[in-house]
């Protein structure tokens, strides 16, 4: 199975393969984010976040590393508080 590919034009533009557009729900006007990761480039639809980004947002006031269980608990608490009925 070959990977979807794009060719860069002289103006630096690319086309996102149809298969990828369908899977990610990318349509005209969608915003894509580009991130360098060593020799790789990660492209994602804006609004989708990595687990590291979520961890940093949840534990922004606590700089030390947290365990996965603590992350799950913090997310659960956040969702309960956000969706609590008054």
C-alpha atoms as a PDB file:
ATOM      1  CA  UNK A   1       0.000   0.000   0.000  1.00  0.00           C
ATOM      2  CA  UNK A   2       1.501   3.323  -1.016  1.00  0.00           C
ATOM      3  CA  UNK A   3       1.238   6.448   1.073  1.00  0.00           C
ATOM      4  CA  UNK A   4      -0.740   9.440  -0.215  1.00  0.00           C
ATOM      5  CA  UNK A   5       1.591  12.024  -1.737  1.00  0.00           C
ATOM      6  CA  UNK A   6       1.522  15.687  -2.740  1.00  0.00           C
ATOM      7  CA  UNK A   7       3.792  17.662  -5.034  1.00  0.00           C
ATOM      8  CA  UNK A   8       4.936  21.164  -4.065  1.00  0.00           C
ATOM      9  CA  UNK A   9       4.371  23.804  -6.766  1.00  0.00           C
ATOM     10  CA  UNK A  10       6.826  26.588  -7.603  1.00  0.00           C
ATOM     11  CA  UNK A  11       4.699  28.869  -5.376  1.00  0.00           C
ATOM     12  CA  UNK A  12       5.062  26.460  -2.416  1.00  0.00           C
ATOM     13  CA  UNK A  13       1.491  25.174  -2.611  1.00  0.00           C
ATOM     14  CA  UNK A  14       0.343  21.575  -2.180  1.00  0.00           C
ATOM     15  CA  UNK A  15      -2.895  19.662  -2.636  1.00  0.00           C
ATOM     16  CA  UNK A  16      -4.130  17.504   0.218  1.00  0.00           C
ATOM     17  CA  UNK A  17      -4.983  14.042  -1.154  1.00  0.00           C
ATOM     18  CA  UNK A  18      -8.739  13.347  -1.328  1.00  0.00           C
ATOM     19  CA  UNK A  19      -8.427  10.313   0.965  1.00  0.00           C
ATOM     20  CA  UNK A  20      -6.839  12.467   3.696  1.00  0.00           C
ATOM     21  CA  UNK A  21      -9.385  15.284   3.218  1.00  0.00           C
ATOM     22  CA  UNK A  22     -12.239  12.824   3.710  1.00  0.00           C
ATOM     23  CA  UNK A  23     -10.711  11.157   6.780  1.00  0.00           C
ATOM     24  CA  UNK A  24      -9.926  14.459   8.532  1.00  0.00           C
ATOM     25  CA  UNK A  25     -12.979  16.395   7.360  1.00  0.00           C
ATOM     26  CA  UNK A  26     -10.879  18.977   5.542  1.00  0.00           C
ATOM     27  CA  UNK A  27     -12.858  21.250   3.235  1.00  0.00           C
ATOM     28  CA  UNK A  28     -12.277  24.636   1.579  1.00  0.00           C
ATOM     29  CA  UNK A  29     -11.435  27.135   4.306  1.00  0.00           C
ATOM     30  CA  UNK A  30     -10.119  24.508   6.744  1.00  0.00           C
ATOM     31  CA  UNK A  31      -6.985  25.547   8.611  1.00  0.00           C
ATOM     32  CA  UNK A  32      -4.018  23.182   8.822  1.00  0.00           C
ATOM     33  CA  UNK A  33      -1.228  23.404  11.391  1.00  0.00           C
ATOM     34  CA  UNK A  34       2.372  22.505  10.543  1.00  0.00           C
ATOM     35  CA  UNK A  35       4.891  21.369  13.138  1.00  0.00           C
ATOM     36  CA  UNK A  36       8.532  20.434  12.720  1.00  0.00           C
ATOM     37  CA  UNK A  37       9.584  17.248  14.500  1.00  0.00           C
ATOM     38  CA  UNK A  38      13.258  16.683  13.734  1.00  0.00           C
ATOM     39  CA  UNK A  39      13.417  15.551  10.124  1.00  0.00           C
ATOM     40  CA  UNK A  40       9.627  15.122   9.967  1.00  0.00           C
ATOM     41  CA  UNK A  41       6.819  17.588   9.416  1.00  0.00           C
ATOM     42  CA  UNK A  42       3.497  16.931  11.141  1.00  0.00           C
ATOM     43  CA  UNK A  43       0.422  18.430   9.483  1.00  0.00           C
ATOM     44  CA  UNK A  44      -2.905  18.351  11.288  1.00  0.00           C
ATOM     45  CA  UNK A  45      -6.283  19.987  11.068  1.00  0.00           C
ATOM     46  CA  UNK A  46      -6.352  22.953  13.444  1.00  0.00           C
ATOM     47  CA  UNK A  47      -8.165  22.175  16.658  1.00  0.00           C
ATOM     48  CA  UNK A  48      -6.749  18.677  17.039  1.00  0.00           C
ATOM     49  CA  UNK A  49      -4.221  18.441  19.801  1.00  0.00           C
ATOM     50  CA  UNK A  50      -1.546  15.979  20.808  1.00  0.00           C
ATOM     51  CA  UNK A  51      -1.628  14.286  24.207  1.00  0.00           C
ATOM     52  CA  UNK A  52       1.385  16.405  25.190  1.00  0.00           C
ATOM     53  CA  UNK A  53      -0.498  19.607  24.353  1.00  0.00           C
ATOM     54  CA  UNK A  54      -3.524  18.438  26.352  1.00  0.00           C
ATOM     55  CA  UNK A  55      -1.270  17.495  29.275  1.00  0.00           C
ATOM     56  CA  UNK A  56       0.364  20.937  29.221  1.00  0.00           C
ATOM     57  CA  UNK A  57      -3.027  22.648  29.165  1.00  0.00           C
ATOM     58  CA  UNK A  58      -4.473  20.565  32.005  1.00  0.00           C
ATOM     59  CA  UNK A  59      -1.375  20.787  34.191  1.00  0.00           C
ATOM     60  CA  UNK A  60      -0.187  24.269  33.184  1.00  0.00           C
ATOM     61  CA  UNK A  61       0.236  25.350  36.809  1.00  0.00           C
ATOM     62  CA  UNK A  62       2.223  22.244  37.725  1.00  0.00           C
ATOM     63  CA  UNK A  63       5.438  21.963  35.711  1.00  0.00           C
ATOM     64  CA  UNK A  64       6.454  18.463  36.872  1.00  0.00           C
ATOM     65  CA  UNK A  65       5.546  15.412  34.769  1.00  0.00           C
ATOM     66  CA  UNK A  66       2.311  13.626  35.612  1.00  0.00           C
ATOM     67  CA  UNK A  67       1.235  10.013  35.286  1.00  0.00           C
ATOM     68  CA  UNK A  68      -1.381   8.924  32.772  1.00  0.00           C
ATOM     69  CA  UNK A  69      -3.846   8.132  35.567  1.00  0.00           C
ATOM     70  CA  UNK A  70      -3.525  11.694  36.879  1.00  0.00           C
ATOM     71  CA  UNK A  71      -4.165  13.056  33.382  1.00  0.00           C
ATOM     72  CA  UNK A  72      -7.287  10.899  32.995  1.00  0.00           C
ATOM     73  CA  UNK A  73      -8.543  11.984  36.427  1.00  0.00           C
ATOM     74  CA  UNK A  74      -7.956  15.685  35.642  1.00  0.00           C
ATOM     75  CA  UNK A  75      -9.780  15.381  32.307  1.00  0.00           C
ATOM     76  CA  UNK A  76     -12.687  13.633  34.040  1.00  0.00           C
ATOM     77  CA  UNK A  77     -12.903  16.362  36.683  1.00  0.00           C
ATOM     78  CA  UNK A  78     -12.794  19.056  34.022  1.00  0.00           C
ATOM     79  CA  UNK A  79     -15.599  17.426  32.014  1.00  0.00           C
ATOM     80  CA  UNK A  80     -17.762  16.946  35.124  1.00  0.00           C
ATOM     81  CA  UNK A  81     -17.303  20.600  36.091  1.00  0.00           C
ATOM     82  CA  UNK A  82     -17.949  21.800  32.536  1.00  0.00           C
ATOM     83  CA  UNK A  83     -21.133  19.797  32.107  1.00  0.00           C
ATOM     84  CA  UNK A  84     -22.487  20.060  35.673  1.00  0.00           C
ATOM     85  CA  UNK A  85     -26.060  21.214  35.894  1.00  0.00           C
ATOM     86  CA  UNK A  86     -26.747  24.237  38.054  1.00  0.00           C
END
